[in-house]
Amino acid sequence: MAKKSVLGLFTEEQVDQAADAMDALASAGYTTTEYEVLTGTPYPEGTFGEQEPKHKLFRWPLMGAVCGFAIGLVLTAGSQLAFPLVTGGKPILSIPPMAIIMYEGTMLGAIIFTIIGIILESRLPRIFMGAYDKRITEGYIGVTVTTEEDRIARAEEVLKQSGAGDITRGWESN
């Protein structure tokens, strides 16, 4: 079934009503993934009663570093073992030159995985943006609900009862 989006706008003075709208949506049976707050003003985390986001960005550089280190180790050890060049009785696997390549592989892997992690943790690309109004950048607070088409009317009703000044519908998504 297609999803639709509805946006309720609140003025700057209606911060409490916007928070009440979020509580009312939760009481009406909407999950936290179905509604969110849009605002151009930097409010502190939790002002509208939303949950603190749990991000796992710290895992990405660690995974990248481990992968880069392993690739550096396999690359250096593999090339030295595939083409052994014994020089003056020195060992085939020489640690100091290997350490440089493994260090560079570790750093490169951590950087690449960090960039990938930032993109994925930021939920980019976001295919379906939902309802939006230009007035949000002018200080208005928007509460947007993206849910199944048959539940949109109830979401509009909840937003109206919470004191939303304007209510707009968004586009369809499959």
N, C-alpha and C. Protein backbone atom coordinates (compact mmCIF):
# COMPACT_ATOMS: atom_id res chain seq x y z
N MET A 1 0.84 -1.17 0.00
CA MET A 1 0.00 0.00 0.00
C MET A 1 0.89 1.24 0.00
N ALA A 2 0.43 2.26 -0.68
CA ALA A 2 1.20 3.50 -0.79
C ALA A 2 1.20 4.25 0.54
N LYS A 3 2.30 4.93 0.78
CA LYS A 3 2.38 5.77 1.98
C LYS A 3 2.15 7.20 1.57
N LYS A 4 1.52 7.95 2.46
CA LYS A 4 1.31 9.38 2.25
C LYS A 4 1.86 10.12 3.45
N SER A 5 2.02 11.41 3.26
CA SER A 5 2.59 12.24 4.29
C SER A 5 1.70 13.45 4.54
N VAL A 6 1.62 13.86 5.80
CA VAL A 6 0.86 15.05 6.18
C VAL A 6 1.74 15.87 7.12
N LEU A 7 1.64 17.20 6.99
CA LEU A 7 2.49 18.11 7.76
C LEU A 7 1.62 19.10 8.51
N GLY A 8 1.82 19.19 9.81
CA GLY A 8 1.14 20.19 10.62
C GLY A 8 2.14 21.26 11.03
N LEU A 9 1.81 22.54 10.78
CA LEU A 9 2.71 23.65 11.08
C LEU A 9 2.32 24.34 12.38
N PHE A 10 3.31 24.63 13.19
CA PHE A 10 3.13 25.35 14.44
C PHE A 10 4.05 26.57 14.41
N THR A 11 3.63 27.67 15.03
CA THR A 11 4.47 28.87 15.08
C THR A 11 5.57 28.69 16.13
N GLU A 12 6.48 29.65 16.16
CA GLU A 12 7.60 29.60 17.12
C GLU A 12 7.11 29.58 18.56
N GLU A 13 5.98 30.22 18.80
CA GLU A 13 5.44 30.31 20.16
C GLU A 13 4.72 29.02 20.58
N GLN A 14 4.48 28.14 19.64
CA GLN A 14 3.72 26.92 19.91
C GLN A 14 4.61 25.70 20.09
N VAL A 15 5.75 25.87 20.71
CA VAL A 15 6.67 24.74 20.93
C VAL A 15 5.99 23.67 21.77
N ASP A 16 5.26 24.10 22.81
CA ASP A 16 4.59 23.12 23.68
C ASP A 16 3.50 22.37 22.93
N GLN A 17 2.78 23.06 22.06
CA GLN A 17 1.73 22.38 21.28
C GLN A 17 2.34 21.37 20.31
N ALA A 18 3.50 21.70 19.75
CA ALA A 18 4.18 20.75 18.86
C ALA A 18 4.60 19.51 19.64
N ALA A 19 5.10 19.71 20.86
CA ALA A 19 5.48 18.57 21.69
C ALA A 19 4.25 17.76 22.08
N ASP A 20 3.13 18.46 22.36
CA ASP A 20 1.89 17.76 22.67
C ASP A 20 1.38 16.97 21.47
N ALA A 21 1.59 17.52 20.26
CA ALA A 21 1.17 16.81 19.04
C ALA A 21 1.94 15.51 18.90
N MET A 22 3.22 15.54 19.22
CA MET A 22 4.02 14.31 19.15
C MET A 22 3.52 13.28 20.16
N ASP A 23 3.19 13.74 21.37
CA ASP A 23 2.64 12.83 22.38
C ASP A 23 1.28 12.28 21.94
N ALA A 24 0.46 13.15 21.35
CA ALA A 24 -0.87 12.73 20.89
C ALA A 24 -0.75 11.71 19.76
N LEU A 25 0.23 11.89 18.87
CA LEU A 25 0.44 10.92 17.80
C LEU A 25 0.87 9.57 18.36
N ALA A 26 1.72 9.60 19.38
CA ALA A 26 2.14 8.35 20.03
C ALA A 26 0.95 7.67 20.70
N SER A 27 0.08 8.48 21.33
CA SER A 27 -1.11 7.92 21.99
C SER A 27 -2.10 7.37 20.98
N ALA A 28 -2.12 7.95 19.78
CA ALA A 28 -3.05 7.50 18.74
C ALA A 28 -2.56 6.23 18.05
N GLY A 29 -1.39 5.74 18.42
CA GLY A 29 -0.92 4.47 17.87
C GLY A 29 0.12 4.60 16.77
N TYR A 30 0.64 5.79 16.53
CA TYR A 30 1.69 5.96 15.53
C TYR A 30 3.04 5.67 16.16
N THR A 31 3.89 4.99 15.42
CA THR A 31 5.21 4.66 15.94
C THR A 31 6.17 5.83 15.72
N THR A 32 7.29 5.83 16.41
CA THR A 32 8.25 6.93 16.31
C THR A 32 8.90 7.01 14.93
N THR A 33 8.80 5.94 14.15
CA THR A 33 9.34 5.99 12.79
C THR A 33 8.35 6.63 11.82
N GLU A 34 7.10 6.82 12.25
CA GLU A 34 6.09 7.39 11.36
C GLU A 34 5.97 8.90 11.46
N TYR A 35 6.51 9.52 12.51
CA TYR A 35 6.40 10.98 12.63
C TYR A 35 7.73 11.56 13.09
N GLU A 36 7.94 12.83 12.71
CA GLU A 36 9.17 13.52 13.11
C GLU A 36 8.94 15.03 13.10
N VAL A 37 9.86 15.75 13.73
CA VAL A 37 9.79 17.21 13.82
C VAL A 37 10.74 17.80 12.79
N LEU A 38 10.25 18.80 12.06
CA LEU A 38 11.08 19.55 11.13
C LEU A 38 11.14 20.98 11.62
N THR A 39 12.33 21.50 11.82
CA THR A 39 12.48 22.88 12.27
C THR A 39 13.81 23.44 11.79
N GLY A 40 13.81 24.73 11.51
CA GLY A 40 15.04 25.39 11.12
C GLY A 40 15.77 25.98 12.31
N THR A 41 15.14 25.97 13.46
CA THR A 41 15.72 26.52 14.68
C THR A 41 16.39 25.40 15.46
N PRO A 42 17.60 25.61 15.97
CA PRO A 42 18.29 24.54 16.69
C PRO A 42 17.78 24.38 18.13
N TYR A 43 16.79 23.54 18.30
CA TYR A 43 16.29 23.23 19.64
C TYR A 43 17.14 22.12 20.25
N PRO A 44 17.27 22.09 21.58
CA PRO A 44 18.04 21.00 22.21
C PRO A 44 17.38 19.64 21.99
N GLU A 45 18.18 18.60 22.05
CA GLU A 45 17.66 17.24 21.90
C GLU A 45 16.58 16.98 22.95
N GLY A 46 15.48 16.39 22.54
CA GLY A 46 14.42 16.02 23.47
C GLY A 46 13.43 17.12 23.76
N THR A 47 13.53 18.29 23.12
CA THR A 47 12.59 19.39 23.37
C THR A 47 11.17 18.98 23.04
N PHE A 48 11.01 18.21 22.00
CA PHE A 48 9.68 17.81 21.56
C PHE A 48 9.30 16.42 22.04
N GLY A 49 10.08 15.87 22.94
CA GLY A 49 9.78 14.56 23.50
C GLY A 49 10.27 13.41 22.63
N GLU A 50 11.04 13.72 21.60
CA GLU A 50 11.54 12.65 20.74
C GLU A 50 12.66 11.90 21.44
N GLN A 51 12.86 10.68 21.02
CA GLN A 51 13.90 9.86 21.62
C GLN A 51 15.27 10.32 21.13
N GLU A 52 16.27 10.15 21.97
CA GLU A 52 17.62 10.48 21.54
C GLU A 52 18.06 9.48 20.49
N PRO A 53 18.56 9.96 19.36
CA PRO A 53 18.93 9.02 18.30
C PRO A 53 20.12 8.16 18.71
N LYS A 54 20.05 6.89 18.36
CA LYS A 54 21.14 5.96 18.66
C LYS A 54 21.91 5.72 17.38
N HIS A 55 23.09 6.28 17.30
CA HIS A 55 23.89 6.08 16.10
C HIS A 55 25.08 5.20 16.43
N LYS A 56 25.54 4.52 15.42
CA LYS A 56 26.63 3.56 15.58
C LYS A 56 27.80 3.93 14.68
N LEU A 57 28.03 5.22 14.54
CA LEU A 57 29.08 5.69 13.64
C LEU A 57 30.46 5.22 14.09
N PHE A 58 30.66 5.06 15.38
CA PHE A 58 31.98 4.67 15.89
C PHE A 58 32.41 3.30 15.39
N ARG A 59 31.49 2.48 14.97
CA ARG A 59 31.84 1.13 14.51
C ARG A 59 32.47 1.14 13.12
N TRP A 60 32.07 2.10 12.29
CA TRP A 60 32.53 2.13 10.91
C TRP A 60 34.04 2.33 10.79
N PRO A 61 34.66 3.31 11.45
CA PRO A 61 36.11 3.45 11.31
C PRO A 61 36.88 2.24 11.84
N LEU A 62 36.34 1.63 12.89
CA LEU A 62 37.01 0.44 13.44
C LEU A 62 36.99 -0.71 12.43
N MET A 63 35.83 -0.93 11.81
CA MET A 63 35.74 -1.99 10.79
C MET A 63 36.66 -1.68 9.61
N GLY A 64 36.69 -0.41 9.20
CA GLY A 64 37.55 0.00 8.09
C GLY A 64 39.02 -0.18 8.42
N ALA A 65 39.40 0.15 9.65
CA ALA A 65 40.79 -0.01 10.06
C ALA A 65 41.21 -1.48 10.05
N VAL A 66 40.33 -2.33 10.54
CA VAL A 66 40.64 -3.77 10.55
C VAL A 66 40.76 -4.30 9.12
N CYS A 67 39.83 -3.90 8.25
CA CYS A 67 39.89 -4.34 6.85
C CYS A 67 41.15 -3.81 6.16
N GLY A 68 41.47 -2.54 6.38
CA GLY A 68 42.67 -1.96 5.77
C GLY A 68 43.94 -2.61 6.25
N PHE A 69 44.00 -2.90 7.55
CA PHE A 69 45.17 -3.58 8.10
C PHE A 69 45.32 -4.97 7.49
N ALA A 70 44.21 -5.70 7.39
CA ALA A 70 44.26 -7.06 6.84
C ALA A 70 44.68 -7.04 5.37
N ILE A 71 44.15 -6.08 4.61
CA ILE A 71 44.52 -5.98 3.19
C ILE A 71 46.00 -5.61 3.06
N GLY A 72 46.47 -4.69 3.90
CA GLY A 72 47.90 -4.32 3.88
C GLY A 72 48.79 -5.50 4.23
N LEU A 73 48.38 -6.28 5.22
CA LEU A 73 49.17 -7.45 5.61
C LEU A 73 49.20 -8.49 4.50
N VAL A 74 48.05 -8.79 3.92
CA VAL A 74 47.98 -9.79 2.84
C VAL A 74 48.76 -9.30 1.62
N LEU A 75 48.63 -8.01 1.31
CA LEU A 75 49.32 -7.47 0.14
C LEU A 75 50.84 -7.55 0.29
N THR A 76 51.36 -7.11 1.44
CA THR A 76 52.82 -7.12 1.62
C THR A 76 53.37 -8.53 1.81
N ALA A 77 52.73 -9.29 2.68
CA ALA A 77 53.24 -10.66 2.91
C ALA A 77 53.05 -11.52 1.67
N GLY A 78 51.92 -11.35 1.01
CA GLY A 78 51.67 -12.16 -0.19
C GLY A 78 52.65 -11.86 -1.30
N SER A 79 52.95 -10.58 -1.51
CA SER A 79 53.89 -10.25 -2.60
C SER A 79 55.32 -10.70 -2.25
N GLN A 80 55.70 -10.62 -0.97
CA GLN A 80 57.04 -11.06 -0.60
C GLN A 80 57.18 -12.58 -0.65
N LEU A 81 56.09 -13.28 -0.36
CA LEU A 81 56.13 -14.75 -0.43
C LEU A 81 55.97 -15.24 -1.87
N ALA A 82 55.23 -14.51 -2.69
CA ALA A 82 55.04 -14.92 -4.08
C ALA A 82 56.32 -14.72 -4.89
N PHE A 83 57.06 -13.66 -4.59
CA PHE A 83 58.30 -13.36 -5.29
C PHE A 83 59.43 -13.22 -4.28
N PRO A 84 59.90 -14.35 -3.70
CA PRO A 84 60.93 -14.26 -2.66
C PRO A 84 62.27 -13.75 -3.23
N LEU A 85 62.82 -12.77 -2.57
CA LEU A 85 64.08 -12.20 -2.98
C LEU A 85 65.00 -12.18 -1.76
N VAL A 86 65.82 -13.22 -1.66
CA VAL A 86 66.73 -13.35 -0.52
C VAL A 86 67.95 -12.49 -0.80
N THR A 87 68.20 -11.54 0.12
CA THR A 87 69.32 -10.62 -0.05
C THR A 87 70.22 -10.70 1.17
N GLY A 88 71.35 -11.24 1.00
CA GLY A 88 72.36 -11.28 2.06
C GLY A 88 71.91 -11.98 3.32
N GLY A 89 71.09 -13.01 3.23
CA GLY A 89 70.66 -13.76 4.40
C GLY A 89 69.58 -13.09 5.22
N LYS A 90 69.01 -12.00 4.73
CA LYS A 90 67.94 -11.32 5.47
C LYS A 90 66.64 -12.11 5.30
N PRO A 91 65.72 -11.97 6.26
CA PRO A 91 64.45 -12.72 6.15
C PRO A 91 63.61 -12.23 4.96
N ILE A 92 62.80 -13.13 4.45
CA ILE A 92 61.94 -12.78 3.30
C ILE A 92 60.86 -11.80 3.74
N LEU A 93 60.24 -12.06 4.89
CA LEU A 93 59.21 -11.15 5.41
C LEU A 93 59.89 -10.12 6.33
N SER A 94 60.05 -8.93 5.84
CA SER A 94 60.70 -7.88 6.61
C SER A 94 59.63 -6.98 7.22
N ILE A 95 59.61 -6.89 8.53
CA ILE A 95 58.57 -6.17 9.26
C ILE A 95 58.57 -4.65 9.03
N PRO A 96 59.70 -3.94 9.08
CA PRO A 96 59.63 -2.47 8.92
C PRO A 96 58.97 -2.00 7.63
N PRO A 97 59.31 -2.53 6.45
CA PRO A 97 58.60 -2.07 5.24
C PRO A 97 57.13 -2.50 5.24
N MET A 98 56.85 -3.66 5.82
CA MET A 98 55.45 -4.12 5.89
C MET A 98 54.63 -3.20 6.79
N ALA A 99 55.24 -2.71 7.88
CA ALA A 99 54.52 -1.87 8.83
C ALA A 99 54.04 -0.58 8.18
N ILE A 100 54.84 -0.01 7.29
CA ILE A 100 54.45 1.23 6.62
C ILE A 100 53.21 1.00 5.76
N ILE A 101 53.21 -0.04 4.97
CA ILE A 101 52.07 -0.33 4.09
C ILE A 101 50.84 -0.69 4.92
N MET A 102 51.01 -1.46 6.00
CA MET A 102 49.88 -1.82 6.85
C MET A 102 49.30 -0.60 7.54
N TYR A 103 50.16 0.34 7.96
CA TYR A 103 49.68 1.58 8.59
C TYR A 103 48.87 2.39 7.59
N GLU A 104 49.38 2.55 6.39
CA GLU A 104 48.66 3.32 5.36
C GLU A 104 47.34 2.64 5.00
N GLY A 105 47.34 1.32 4.91
CA GLY A 105 46.10 0.60 4.63
C GLY A 105 45.08 0.76 5.75
N THR A 106 45.57 0.75 6.99
CA THR A 106 44.69 0.95 8.14
C THR A 106 44.03 2.32 8.09
N MET A 107 44.82 3.36 7.84
CA MET A 107 44.28 4.72 7.79
C MET A 107 43.33 4.90 6.62
N LEU A 108 43.70 4.38 5.46
CA LEU A 108 42.83 4.52 4.28
C LEU A 108 41.51 3.78 4.49
N GLY A 109 41.57 2.59 5.06
CA GLY A 109 40.34 1.84 5.34
C GLY A 109 39.45 2.56 6.33
N ALA A 110 40.04 3.12 7.38
CA ALA A 110 39.26 3.86 8.39
C ALA A 110 38.60 5.08 7.77
N ILE A 111 39.31 5.81 6.92
CA ILE A 111 38.74 7.01 6.30
C ILE A 111 37.61 6.65 5.35
N ILE A 112 37.82 5.66 4.50
CA ILE A 112 36.78 5.28 3.53
C ILE A 112 35.54 4.75 4.25
N PHE A 113 35.72 3.91 5.24
CA PHE A 113 34.57 3.38 5.97
C PHE A 113 33.87 4.46 6.78
N THR A 114 34.60 5.46 7.27
CA THR A 114 33.97 6.56 7.99
C THR A 114 33.06 7.35 7.07
N ILE A 115 33.50 7.61 5.85
CA ILE A 115 32.67 8.33 4.89
C ILE A 115 31.43 7.52 4.56
N ILE A 116 31.58 6.23 4.34
CA ILE A 116 30.43 5.37 4.07
C ILE A 116 29.48 5.36 5.26
N GLY A 117 30.04 5.28 6.47
CA GLY A 117 29.23 5.28 7.69
C GLY A 117 28.46 6.57 7.86
N ILE A 118 29.08 7.72 7.57
CA ILE A 118 28.39 9.00 7.68
C ILE A 118 27.21 9.05 6.73
N ILE A 119 27.41 8.58 5.51
CA ILE A 119 26.32 8.60 4.52
C ILE A 119 25.18 7.70 4.97
N LEU A 120 25.49 6.50 5.44
CA LEU A 120 24.43 5.57 5.84
C LEU A 120 23.76 5.98 7.15
N GLU A 121 24.52 6.47 8.12
CA GLU A 121 23.94 6.89 9.40
C GLU A 121 23.11 8.16 9.26
N SER A 122 23.38 8.95 8.23
CA SER A 122 22.59 10.16 7.97
C SER A 122 21.34 9.85 7.16
N ARG A 123 21.10 8.59 6.89
CA ARG A 123 19.95 8.12 6.11
C ARG A 123 19.91 8.76 4.72
N LEU A 124 21.06 8.81 4.09
CA LEU A 124 21.15 9.35 2.74
C LEU A 124 21.35 8.21 1.78
N PRO A 125 20.89 8.23 0.60
CA PRO A 125 19.94 9.21 0.07
C PRO A 125 18.55 8.90 0.59
N ARG A 126 17.80 9.93 0.83
CA ARG A 126 16.43 9.78 1.32
C ARG A 126 15.50 9.91 0.11
N ILE A 127 14.94 8.79 -0.30
CA ILE A 127 14.14 8.74 -1.53
C ILE A 127 12.84 9.52 -1.37
N PHE A 128 12.11 9.26 -0.31
CA PHE A 128 10.81 9.89 -0.10
C PHE A 128 10.94 10.93 0.99
N MET A 129 10.84 12.19 0.63
CA MET A 129 11.02 13.27 1.59
C MET A 129 9.76 13.57 2.39
N GLY A 130 8.60 13.30 1.86
CA GLY A 130 7.37 13.59 2.59
C GLY A 130 6.95 15.03 2.42
N ALA A 131 6.01 15.46 3.24
CA ALA A 131 5.48 16.82 3.15
C ALA A 131 6.50 17.82 3.69
N TYR A 132 6.52 19.00 3.07
CA TYR A 132 7.43 20.06 3.50
C TYR A 132 6.81 21.41 3.15
N ASP A 133 7.16 22.43 3.92
CA ASP A 133 6.69 23.79 3.70
C ASP A 133 7.87 24.74 3.87
N LYS A 134 7.96 25.76 3.00
CA LYS A 134 9.08 26.71 3.06
C LYS A 134 9.10 27.49 4.37
N ARG A 135 7.97 27.62 5.02
CA ARG A 135 7.90 28.40 6.24
C ARG A 135 8.69 27.77 7.40
N ILE A 136 9.05 26.51 7.27
CA ILE A 136 9.85 25.86 8.31
C ILE A 136 11.21 26.55 8.43
N THR A 137 11.78 26.99 7.32
CA THR A 137 13.06 27.70 7.38
C THR A 137 12.91 29.10 7.94
N GLU A 138 11.67 29.60 8.04
CA GLU A 138 11.42 30.94 8.58
C GLU A 138 11.09 30.91 10.07
N GLY A 139 11.16 29.75 10.70
CA GLY A 139 10.94 29.67 12.14
C GLY A 139 9.77 28.81 12.56
N TYR A 140 8.94 28.38 11.63
CA TYR A 140 7.82 27.51 11.98
C TYR A 140 8.33 26.13 12.36
N ILE A 141 7.51 25.42 13.09
CA ILE A 141 7.84 24.05 13.50
C ILE A 141 6.87 23.12 12.78
N GLY A 142 7.41 22.13 12.10
CA GLY A 142 6.57 21.19 11.36
C GLY A 142 6.60 19.82 12.01
N VAL A 143 5.44 19.23 12.16
CA VAL A 143 5.34 17.84 12.61
C VAL A 143 4.80 17.06 11.42
N THR A 144 5.61 16.19 10.88
CA THR A 144 5.22 15.43 9.69
C THR A 144 4.95 13.97 10.07
N VAL A 145 3.89 13.44 9.48
CA VAL A 145 3.50 12.04 9.71
C VAL A 145 3.50 11.36 8.36
N THR A 146 4.26 10.28 8.22
CA THR A 146 4.31 9.50 7.00
C THR A 146 3.83 8.09 7.35
N THR A 147 2.68 7.74 6.82
CA THR A 147 2.08 6.46 7.18
C THR A 147 1.22 5.95 6.04
N GLU A 148 0.54 4.85 6.29
CA GLU A 148 -0.33 4.25 5.28
C GLU A 148 -1.47 5.22 4.94
N GLU A 149 -1.97 5.11 3.73
CA GLU A 149 -2.97 6.05 3.21
C GLU A 149 -4.24 6.07 4.05
N ASP A 150 -4.65 4.94 4.59
CA ASP A 150 -5.90 4.88 5.35
C ASP A 150 -5.77 5.49 6.75
N ARG A 151 -4.56 5.76 7.21
CA ARG A 151 -4.36 6.35 8.55
C ARG A 151 -4.06 7.85 8.50
N ILE A 152 -3.98 8.43 7.30
CA ILE A 152 -3.64 9.84 7.16
C ILE A 152 -4.73 10.75 7.73
N ALA A 153 -5.99 10.41 7.51
CA ALA A 153 -7.08 11.25 8.01
C ALA A 153 -7.03 11.36 9.53
N ARG A 154 -6.73 10.27 10.20
CA ARG A 154 -6.62 10.29 11.66
C ARG A 154 -5.43 11.15 12.10
N ALA A 155 -4.33 11.09 11.37
CA ALA A 155 -3.17 11.91 11.70
C ALA A 155 -3.50 13.39 11.55
N GLU A 156 -4.23 13.75 10.50
CA GLU A 156 -4.65 15.15 10.31
C GLU A 156 -5.51 15.61 11.48
N GLU A 157 -6.41 14.74 11.90
CA GLU A 157 -7.31 15.06 13.01
C GLU A 157 -6.52 15.30 14.31
N VAL A 158 -5.54 14.46 14.57
CA VAL A 158 -4.72 14.60 15.77
C VAL A 158 -3.93 15.91 15.72
N LEU A 159 -3.37 16.24 14.55
CA LEU A 159 -2.61 17.49 14.41
C LEU A 159 -3.51 18.71 14.60
N LYS A 160 -4.74 18.66 14.07
CA LYS A 160 -5.68 19.77 14.24
C LYS A 160 -6.05 19.95 15.71
N GLN A 161 -6.29 18.84 16.39
CA GLN A 161 -6.66 18.91 17.80
C GLN A 161 -5.50 19.43 18.66
N SER A 162 -4.27 19.24 18.20
CA SER A 162 -3.11 19.71 18.95
C SER A 162 -2.81 21.19 18.71
N GLY A 163 -3.49 21.79 17.76
CA GLY A 163 -3.33 23.22 17.53
C GLY A 163 -2.49 23.60 16.33
N ALA A 164 -2.34 22.70 15.37
CA ALA A 164 -1.57 23.01 14.16
C ALA A 164 -2.30 24.09 13.36
N GLY A 165 -1.57 25.13 12.96
CA GLY A 165 -2.17 26.23 12.22
C GLY A 165 -2.51 25.85 10.79
N ASP A 166 -1.61 25.22 10.11
CA ASP A 166 -1.79 24.81 8.72
C ASP A 166 -1.50 23.32 8.61
N ILE A 167 -2.26 22.64 7.77
CA ILE A 167 -2.01 21.22 7.56
C ILE A 167 -1.92 21.01 6.04
N THR A 168 -0.83 20.41 5.61
CA THR A 168 -0.61 20.13 4.19
C THR A 168 -0.34 18.66 3.99
N ARG A 169 -0.78 18.18 2.85
CA ARG A 169 -0.52 16.78 2.50
C ARG A 169 0.69 16.72 1.59
N GLY A 170 1.41 15.61 1.69
CA GLY A 170 2.60 15.43 0.87
C GLY A 170 2.33 14.52 -0.30
N TRP A 171 3.39 13.96 -0.86
CA TRP A 171 3.31 13.12 -2.05
C TRP A 171 3.19 11.65 -1.66
N GLU A 172 2.97 10.86 -2.71
CA GLU A 172 2.83 9.43 -2.50
C GLU A 172 4.20 8.75 -2.58
N SER A 173 4.27 7.63 -1.91
CA SER A 173 5.48 6.79 -1.97
C SER A 173 5.03 5.35 -2.06
N ASN A 174 5.80 4.52 -2.73
CA ASN A 174 5.44 3.10 -2.82
C ASN A 174 6.25 2.29 -1.87
